[in-house]
Amino acid sequence: DAIATRLTNMDDVVAHTTRACRTGAAHSGPPHYELIRG
């Protein structure tokens, strides 16, 4: 949670990761990861 909180302050990292997760999920099964603070 401490790491996720720090990363959420990085708008470019969050935007890139959010888009990649969304696109990847459309072409695969359930993700192998969990989301913490998105």
All heavy atoms as atom14 arrays in JSON, in Angstrom:
{
  "sequence": "DAIATRLTNMDDVVAHTTRACRTGAAHSGPPHYELIRG",
  "atom14_mask": [
    [1, 1, 1, 1, 1, 1, 1, 1, 0, 0, 0, 0, 0, 0],
    [1, 1, 1, 1, 1, 0, 0, 0, 0, 0, 0, 0, 0, 0],
    [1, 1, 1, 1, 1, 1, 1, 1, 0, 0, 0, 0, 0, 0],
    [1, 1, 1, 1, 1, 0, 0, 0, 0, 0, 0, 0, 0, 0],
    [1, 1, 1, 1, 1, 1, 1, 0, 0, 0, 0, 0, 0, 0],
    [1, 1, 1, 1, 1, 1, 1, 1, 1, 1, 1, 0, 0, 0],
    [1, 1, 1, 1, 1, 1, 1, 1, 0, 0, 0, 0, 0, 0],
    [1, 1, 1, 1, 1, 1, 1, 0, 0, 0, 0, 0, 0, 0],
    [1, 1, 1, 1, 1, 1, 1, 1, 0, 0, 0, 0, 0, 0],
    [1, 1, 1, 1, 1, 1, 1, 1, 0, 0, 0, 0, 0, 0],
    [1, 1, 1, 1, 1, 1, 1, 1, 0, 0, 0, 0, 0, 0],
    [1, 1, 1, 1, 1, 1, 1, 1, 0, 0, 0, 0, 0, 0],
    [1, 1, 1, 1, 1, 1, 1, 0, 0, 0, 0, 0, 0, 0],
    [1, 1, 1, 1, 1, 1, 1, 0, 0, 0, 0, 0, 0, 0],
    [1, 1, 1, 1, 1, 0, 0, 0, 0, 0, 0, 0, 0, 0],
    [1, 1, 1, 1, 1, 1, 1, 1, 1, 1, 0, 0, 0, 0],
    [1, 1, 1, 1, 1, 1, 1, 0, 0, 0, 0, 0, 0, 0],
    [1, 1, 1, 1, 1, 1, 1, 0, 0, 0, 0, 0, 0, 0],
    [1, 1, 1, 1, 1, 1, 1, 1, 1, 1, 1, 0, 0, 0],
    [1, 1, 1, 1, 1, 0, 0, 0, 0, 0, 0, 0, 0, 0],
    [1, 1, 1, 1, 1, 1, 0, 0, 0, 0, 0, 0, 0, 0],
    [1, 1, 1, 1, 1, 1, 1, 1, 1, 1, 1, 0, 0, 0],
    [1, 1, 1, 1, 1, 1, 1, 0, 0, 0, 0, 0, 0, 0],
    [1, 1, 1, 1, 0, 0, 0, 0, 0, 0, 0, 0, 0, 0],
    [1, 1, 1, 1, 1, 0, 0, 0, 0, 0, 0, 0, 0, 0],
    [1, 1, 1, 1, 1, 0, 0, 0, 0, 0, 0, 0, 0, 0],
    [1, 1, 1, 1, 1, 1, 1, 1, 1, 1, 0, 0, 0, 0],
    [1, 1, 1, 1, 1, 1, 0, 0, 0, 0, 0, 0, 0, 0],
    [1, 1, 1, 1, 0, 0, 0, 0, 0, 0, 0, 0, 0, 0],
    [1, 1, 1, 1, 1, 1, 1, 0, 0, 0, 0, 0, 0, 0],
    [1, 1, 1, 1, 1, 1, 1, 0, 0, 0, 0, 0, 0, 0],
    [1, 1, 1, 1, 1, 1, 1, 1, 1, 1, 0, 0, 0, 0],
    [1, 1, 1, 1, 1, 1, 1, 1, 1, 1, 1, 1, 0, 0],
    [1, 1, 1, 1, 1, 1, 1, 1, 1, 0, 0, 0, 0, 0],
    [1, 1, 1, 1, 1, 1, 1, 1, 0, 0, 0, 0, 0, 0],
    [1, 1, 1, 1, 1, 1, 1, 1, 0, 0, 0, 0, 0, 0],
    [1, 1, 1, 1, 1, 1, 1, 1, 1, 1, 1, 0, 0, 0],
    [1, 1, 1, 1, 0, 0, 0, 0, 0, 0, 0, 0, 0, 0]
  ],
  "atom14_positions": [
    [[0.83, -1.2, 0.0], [0.0, 0.0, 0.0], [0.87, 1.26, 0.0], [0.55, 2.25, -0.67], [-0.93, 0.0, 1.21], [-1.96, 1.11, 1.14], [-2.86, 1.03, 0.28], [-1.86, 2.08, 1.93], [0.0, 0.0, 0.0], [0.0, 0.0, 0.0], [0.0, 0.0, 0.0], [0.0, 0.0, 0.0], [0.0, 0.0, 0.0], [0.0, 0.0, 0.0]],
    [[1.98, 1.23, 0.74], [2.88, 2.38, 0.75], [3.48, 2.62, -0.63], [3.6, 3.77, -1.09], [3.98, 2.16, 1.78], [0.0, 0.0, 0.0], [0.0, 0.0, 0.0], [0.0, 0.0, 0.0], [0.0, 0.0, 0.0], [0.0, 0.0, 0.0], [0.0, 0.0, 0.0], [0.0, 0.0, 0.0], [0.0, 0.0, 0.0], [0.0, 0.0, 0.0]],
    [[3.84, 1.54, -1.31], [4.4, 1.66, -2.67], [3.35, 2.18, -3.63], [3.61, 3.08, -4.45], [4.96, 0.3, -3.12], [6.21, -0.04, -2.31], [5.27, 0.32, -4.62], [6.71, -1.46, -2.53], [0.0, 0.0, 0.0], [0.0, 0.0, 0.0], [0.0, 0.0, 0.0], [0.0, 0.0, 0.0], [0.0, 0.0, 0.0], [0.0, 0.0, 0.0]],
    [[2.15, 1.61, -3.56], [1.07, 2.04, -4.46], [0.74, 3.51, -4.26], [0.5, 4.25, -5.22], [-0.17, 1.18, -4.24], [0.0, 0.0, 0.0], [0.0, 0.0, 0.0], [0.0, 0.0, 0.0], [0.0, 0.0, 0.0], [0.0, 0.0, 0.0], [0.0, 0.0, 0.0], [0.0, 0.0, 0.0], [0.0, 0.0, 0.0], [0.0, 0.0, 0.0]],
    [[0.74, 3.94, -3.0], [0.46, 5.34, -2.71], [1.49, 6.24, -3.36], [1.16, 7.29, -3.94], [0.43, 5.57, -1.19], [-0.59, 4.75, -0.61], [0.15, 7.03, -0.87], [0.0, 0.0, 0.0], [0.0, 0.0, 0.0], [0.0, 0.0, 0.0], [0.0, 0.0, 0.0], [0.0, 0.0, 0.0], [0.0, 0.0, 0.0], [0.0, 0.0, 0.0]],
    [[2.75, 5.85, -3.28], [3.81, 6.65, -3.9], [3.66, 6.67, -5.43], [3.8, 7.71, -6.07], [5.18, 6.08, -3.52], [6.38, 6.84, -4.09], [6.55, 8.21, -3.44], [6.86, 8.07, -2.04], [8.09, 8.08, -1.53], [9.13, 8.24, -2.34], [8.29, 7.96, -0.24], [0.0, 0.0, 0.0], [0.0, 0.0, 0.0], [0.0, 0.0, 0.0]],
    [[3.36, 5.52, -6.03], [3.25, 5.45, -7.49], [2.06, 6.23, -8.03], [2.11, 6.74, -9.16], [3.15, 3.99, -7.94], [4.44, 3.17, -7.92], [4.15, 1.71, -8.24], [5.47, 3.73, -8.89], [0.0, 0.0, 0.0], [0.0, 0.0, 0.0], [0.0, 0.0, 0.0], [0.0, 0.0, 0.0], [0.0, 0.0, 0.0], [0.0, 0.0, 0.0]],
    [[0.99, 6.33, -7.26], [-0.19, 7.05, -7.76], [0.1, 8.54, -7.96], [-0.69, 9.23, -8.62], [-1.38, 6.88, -6.8], [-0.99, 7.27, -5.47], [-1.88, 5.45, -6.79], [0.0, 0.0, 0.0], [0.0, 0.0, 0.0], [0.0, 0.0, 0.0], [0.0, 0.0, 0.0], [0.0, 0.0, 0.0], [0.0, 0.0, 0.0], [0.0, 0.0, 0.0]],
    [[1.19, 9.03, -7.42], [1.58, 10.42, -7.65], [2.28, 10.62, -8.99], [2.58, 11.76, -9.36], [2.49, 10.91, -6.53], [1.78, 10.96, -5.18], [0.61, 11.33, -5.12], [2.48, 10.61, -4.12], [0.0, 0.0, 0.0], [0.0, 0.0, 0.0], [0.0, 0.0, 0.0], [0.0, 0.0, 0.0], [0.0, 0.0, 0.0], [0.0, 0.0, 0.0]],
    [[2.55, 9.51, -9.69], [3.24, 9.58, -10.98], [2.2, 9.41, -12.09], [1.86, 8.28, -12.48], [4.33, 8.52, -11.07], [5.34, 8.59, -9.93], [6.66, 7.34, -10.07], [7.57, 7.99, -11.47], [0.0, 0.0, 0.0], [0.0, 0.0, 0.0], [0.0, 0.0, 0.0], [0.0, 0.0, 0.0], [0.0, 0.0, 0.0], [0.0, 0.0, 0.0]],
    [[1.68, 10.52, -12.58], [0.56, 10.46, -13.53], [0.92, 9.7, -14.79], [0.08, 8.96, -15.34], [0.11, 11.88, -13.88], [-0.51, 12.62, -12.71], [-0.92, 11.93, -11.74], [-0.58, 13.86, -12.76], [0.0, 0.0, 0.0], [0.0, 0.0, 0.0], [0.0, 0.0, 0.0], [0.0, 0.0, 0.0], [0.0, 0.0, 0.0], [0.0, 0.0, 0.0]],
    [[2.14, 9.86, -15.3], [2.5, 9.19, -16.55], [2.58, 7.68, -16.36], [2.13, 6.9, -17.22], [3.81, 9.74, -17.1], [4.94, 9.79, -16.09], [4.69, 9.46, -14.91], [6.07, 10.16, -16.47], [0.0, 0.0, 0.0], [0.0, 0.0, 0.0], [0.0, 0.0, 0.0], [0.0, 0.0, 0.0], [0.0, 0.0, 0.0], [0.0, 0.0, 0.0]],
    [[3.13, 7.23, -15.23], [3.21, 5.8, -14.96], [1.82, 5.21, -14.8], [1.51, 4.13, -15.33], [4.06, 5.54, -13.7], [4.03, 4.05, -13.33], [5.5, 6.0, -13.92], [0.0, 0.0, 0.0], [0.0, 0.0, 0.0], [0.0, 0.0, 0.0], [0.0, 0.0, 0.0], [0.0, 0.0, 0.0], [0.0, 0.0, 0.0], [0.0, 0.0, 0.0]],
    [[0.95, 5.92, -14.09], [-0.41, 5.43, -13.87], [-1.17, 5.35, -15.19], [-1.84, 4.35, -15.47], [-1.16, 6.34, -12.88], [-2.64, 5.97, -12.81], [-0.53, 6.24, -11.49], [0.0, 0.0, 0.0], [0.0, 0.0, 0.0], [0.0, 0.0, 0.0], [0.0, 0.0, 0.0], [0.0, 0.0, 0.0], [0.0, 0.0, 0.0], [0.0, 0.0, 0.0]],
    [[-1.05, 6.38, -16.02], [-1.78, 6.39, -17.29], [-1.3, 5.26, -18.2], [-2.11, 4.54, -18.81], [-1.59, 7.73, -17.99], [0.0, 0.0, 0.0], [0.0, 0.0, 0.0], [0.0, 0.0, 0.0], [0.0, 0.0, 0.0], [0.0, 0.0, 0.0], [0.0, 0.0, 0.0], [0.0, 0.0, 0.0], [0.0, 0.0, 0.0], [0.0, 0.0, 0.0]],
    [[0.02, 5.08, -18.3], [0.57, 4.0, -19.14], [0.13, 2.64, -18.63], [-0.29, 1.76, -19.4], [2.09, 4.09, -19.17], [2.73, 3.0, -19.96], [3.03, 1.76, -19.43], [3.13, 2.95, -21.25], [3.58, 1.01, -20.36], [3.65, 1.7, -21.47], [0.0, 0.0, 0.0], [0.0, 0.0, 0.0], [0.0, 0.0, 0.0], [0.0, 0.0, 0.0]],
    [[0.21, 2.44, -17.32], [-0.12, 1.15, -16.74], [-1.6, 0.84, -16.87], [-2.0, -0.28, -17.18], [0.31, 1.12, -15.27], [1.73, 1.31, -15.2], [-0.05, -0.2, -14.61], [0.0, 0.0, 0.0], [0.0, 0.0, 0.0], [0.0, 0.0, 0.0], [0.0, 0.0, 0.0], [0.0, 0.0, 0.0], [0.0, 0.0, 0.0], [0.0, 0.0, 0.0]],
    [[-2.44, 1.84, -16.64], [-3.88, 1.63, -16.75], [-4.28, 1.22, -18.15], [-5.07, 0.29, -18.35], [-4.63, 2.92, -16.35], [-4.29, 3.27, -15.01], [-6.13, 2.73, -16.45], [0.0, 0.0, 0.0], [0.0, 0.0, 0.0], [0.0, 0.0, 0.0], [0.0, 0.0, 0.0], [0.0, 0.0, 0.0], [0.0, 0.0, 0.0], [0.0, 0.0, 0.0]],
    [[-3.71, 1.89, -19.15], [-4.03, 1.55, -20.54], [-3.52, 0.16, -20.89], [-4.22, -0.62, -21.55], [-3.42, 2.58, -21.48], [-3.76, 2.34, -22.95], [-3.16, 3.38, -23.86], [-1.7, 3.33, -23.85], [-0.92, 4.03, -24.69], [-1.47, 4.86, -25.56], [0.38, 3.93, -24.64], [0.0, 0.0, 0.0], [0.0, 0.0, 0.0], [0.0, 0.0, 0.0]],
    [[-2.31, -0.17, -20.45], [-1.75, -1.49, -20.76], [-2.57, -2.6, -20.11], [-2.82, -3.64, -20.74], [-0.3, -1.56, -20.29], [0.0, 0.0, 0.0], [0.0, 0.0, 0.0], [0.0, 0.0, 0.0], [0.0, 0.0, 0.0], [0.0, 0.0, 0.0], [0.0, 0.0, 0.0], [0.0, 0.0, 0.0], [0.0, 0.0, 0.0], [0.0, 0.0, 0.0]],
    [[-2.97, -2.4, -18.87], [-3.79, -3.41, -18.19], [-5.12, -3.61, -18.91], [-5.59, -4.74, -19.1], [-4.04, -3.01, -16.74], [-2.63, -3.18, -15.64], [0.0, 0.0, 0.0], [0.0, 0.0, 0.0], [0.0, 0.0, 0.0], [0.0, 0.0, 0.0], [0.0, 0.0, 0.0], [0.0, 0.0, 0.0], [0.0, 0.0, 0.0], [0.0, 0.0, 0.0]],
    [[-5.72, -2.51, -19.33], [-7.02, -2.59, -20.01], [-6.9, -3.32, -21.34], [-7.71, -4.21, -21.66], [-7.57, -1.18, -20.21], [-8.95, -1.13, -20.86], [-9.51, 0.28, -20.88], [-8.72, 1.19, -21.71], [-7.98, 2.19, -21.25], [-7.91, 2.42, -19.95], [-7.31, 2.97, -22.08], [0.0, 0.0, 0.0], [0.0, 0.0, 0.0], [0.0, 0.0, 0.0]],
    [[-5.87, -2.97, -22.1], [-5.7, -3.62, -23.41], [-5.33, -5.08, -23.26], [-5.85, -5.95, -23.96], [-4.61, -2.88, -24.2], [-4.99, -1.5, -24.36], [-4.42, -3.51, -25.56], [0.0, 0.0, 0.0], [0.0, 0.0, 0.0], [0.0, 0.0, 0.0], [0.0, 0.0, 0.0], [0.0, 0.0, 0.0], [0.0, 0.0, 0.0], [0.0, 0.0, 0.0]],
    [[-4.4, -5.37, -22.35], [-4.0, -6.75, -22.15], [-5.15, -7.63, -21.69], [-5.29, -8.77, -22.13], [0.0, 0.0, 0.0], [0.0, 0.0, 0.0], [0.0, 0.0, 0.0], [0.0, 0.0, 0.0], [0.0, 0.0, 0.0], [0.0, 0.0, 0.0], [0.0, 0.0, 0.0], [0.0, 0.0, 0.0], [0.0, 0.0, 0.0], [0.0, 0.0, 0.0]],
    [[-5.98, -7.1, -20.78], [-7.11, -7.87, -20.25], [-8.1, -8.23, -21.36], [-8.75, -9.28, -21.3], [-7.81, -7.09, -19.14], [0.0, 0.0, 0.0], [0.0, 0.0, 0.0], [0.0, 0.0, 0.0], [0.0, 0.0, 0.0], [0.0, 0.0, 0.0], [0.0, 0.0, 0.0], [0.0, 0.0, 0.0], [0.0, 0.0, 0.0], [0.0, 0.0, 0.0]],
    [[-8.21, -7.38, -22.38], [-9.15, -7.66, -23.48], [-8.7, -8.84, -24.32], [-9.51, -9.44, -25.03], [-9.29, -6.43, -24.36], [0.0, 0.0, 0.0], [0.0, 0.0, 0.0], [0.0, 0.0, 0.0], [0.0, 0.0, 0.0], [0.0, 0.0, 0.0], [0.0, 0.0, 0.0], [0.0, 0.0, 0.0], [0.0, 0.0, 0.0], [0.0, 0.0, 0.0]],
    [[-7.4, -9.2, -24.24], [-6.86, -10.27, -25.08], [-6.33, -11.45, -24.27], [-5.54, -12.25, -24.78], [-5.74, -9.72, -25.96], [-6.21, -8.79, -27.03], [-6.7, -9.24, -28.23], [-6.28, -7.43, -27.07], [-7.04, -8.21, -28.98], [-6.81, -7.09, -28.29], [0.0, 0.0, 0.0], [0.0, 0.0, 0.0], [0.0, 0.0, 0.0], [0.0, 0.0, 0.0]],
    [[-6.72, -11.57, -23.02], [-6.23, -12.67, -22.2], [-7.29, -13.06, -21.19], [-8.36, -12.43, -21.09], [-4.94, -12.26, -21.47], [-5.18, -11.16, -20.61], [0.0, 0.0, 0.0], [0.0, 0.0, 0.0], [0.0, 0.0, 0.0], [0.0, 0.0, 0.0], [0.0, 0.0, 0.0], [0.0, 0.0, 0.0], [0.0, 0.0, 0.0], [0.0, 0.0, 0.0]],
    [[-6.99, -14.09, -20.44], [-7.89, -14.54, -19.39], [-7.76, -13.66, -18.16], [-7.25, -12.54, -18.23], [0.0, 0.0, 0.0], [0.0, 0.0, 0.0], [0.0, 0.0, 0.0], [0.0, 0.0, 0.0], [0.0, 0.0, 0.0], [0.0, 0.0, 0.0], [0.0, 0.0, 0.0], [0.0, 0.0, 0.0], [0.0, 0.0, 0.0], [0.0, 0.0, 0.0]],
    [[-8.21, -14.17, -17.01], [-8.09, -13.39, -15.77], [-6.63, -13.02, -15.52], [-5.73, -13.81, -15.75], [-8.6, -14.36, -14.7], [-9.48, -15.32, -15.44], [-8.86, -15.47, -16.8], [0.0, 0.0, 0.0], [0.0, 0.0, 0.0], [0.0, 0.0, 0.0], [0.0, 0.0, 0.0], [0.0, 0.0, 0.0], [0.0, 0.0, 0.0], [0.0, 0.0, 0.0]],
    [[-6.38, -11.78, -15.08], [-4.99, -11.35, -14.89], [-4.3, -12.13, -13.78], [-4.93, -12.64, -12.86], [-5.12, -9.87, -14.51], [-6.51, -9.74, -13.97], [-7.34, -10.73, -14.73], [0.0, 0.0, 0.0], [0.0, 0.0, 0.0], [0.0, 0.0, 0.0], [0.0, 0.0, 0.0], [0.0, 0.0, 0.0], [0.0, 0.0, 0.0], [0.0, 0.0, 0.0]],
    [[-2.96, -12.21, -13.86], [-2.19, -12.93, -12.86], [-1.82, -12.03, -11.7], [-1.11, -12.47, -10.8], [-0.92, -13.51, -13.5], [0.06, -12.5, -14.01], [-0.23, -11.65, -15.04], [1.33, -12.2, -13.63], [0.81, -10.87, -15.28], [1.76, -11.17, -14.44], [0.0, 0.0, 0.0], [0.0, 0.0, 0.0], [0.0, 0.0, 0.0], [0.0, 0.0, 0.0]],
    [[-2.32, -10.8, -11.7], [-2.0, -9.84, -10.66], [-3.28, -9.34, -9.99], [-4.39, -9.56, -10.48], [-1.24, -8.65, -11.26], [-1.94, -8.03, -12.47], [-3.02, -7.15, -12.32], [-1.53, -8.35, -13.77], [-3.67, -6.6, -13.42], [-2.18, -7.81, -14.87], [-3.25, -6.94, -14.69], [-3.89, -6.41, -15.77], [0.0, 0.0, 0.0], [0.0, 0.0, 0.0]],
    [[-3.13, -8.65, -8.87], [-4.22, -7.95, -8.23], [-3.96, -6.46, -8.31], [-2.82, -6.02, -8.49], [-4.37, -8.36, -6.76], [-3.16, -8.03, -5.89], [-3.39, -8.37, -4.42], [-4.21, -7.66, -3.79], [-2.75, -9.32, -3.94], [0.0, 0.0, 0.0], [0.0, 0.0, 0.0], [0.0, 0.0, 0.0], [0.0, 0.0, 0.0], [0.0, 0.0, 0.0]],
    [[-5.02, -5.66, -8.21], [-4.88, -4.21, -8.27], [-4.91, -3.64, -6.86], [-5.81, -3.93, -6.08], [-5.99, -3.6, -9.12], [-5.99, -3.97, -10.61], [-7.18, -3.33, -11.31], [-4.68, -3.54, -11.28], [0.0, 0.0, 0.0], [0.0, 0.0, 0.0], [0.0, 0.0, 0.0], [0.0, 0.0, 0.0], [0.0, 0.0, 0.0], [0.0, 0.0, 0.0]],
    [[-3.92, -2.83, -6.54], [-3.88, -2.09, -5.28], [-3.8, -0.62, -5.65], [-2.85, -0.2, -6.32], [-2.67, -2.51, -4.42], [-2.77, -4.0, -4.06], [-2.58, -1.66, -3.16], [-1.59, -4.53, -3.26], [0.0, 0.0, 0.0], [0.0, 0.0, 0.0], [0.0, 0.0, 0.0], [0.0, 0.0, 0.0], [0.0, 0.0, 0.0], [0.0, 0.0, 0.0]],
    [[-4.81, 0.11, -5.25], [-4.94, 1.52, -5.65], [-4.88, 1.67, -7.16], [-4.3, 2.63, -7.71], [-3.9, 2.39, -4.95], [-4.05, 2.43, -3.43], [-3.09, 3.4, -2.78], [-3.22, 3.38, -1.32], [-4.06, 4.16, -0.62], [-4.83, 5.03, -1.25], [-4.11, 4.06, 0.71], [0.0, 0.0, 0.0], [0.0, 0.0, 0.0], [0.0, 0.0, 0.0]],
    [[-5.43, 0.67, -7.86], [-5.52, 0.71, -9.31], [-4.28, 0.26, -10.04], [-4.25, 0.28, -11.28], [0.0, 0.0, 0.0], [0.0, 0.0, 0.0], [0.0, 0.0, 0.0], [0.0, 0.0, 0.0], [0.0, 0.0, 0.0], [0.0, 0.0, 0.0], [0.0, 0.0, 0.0], [0.0, 0.0, 0.0], [0.0, 0.0, 0.0], [0.0, 0.0, 0.0]]
  ]
}
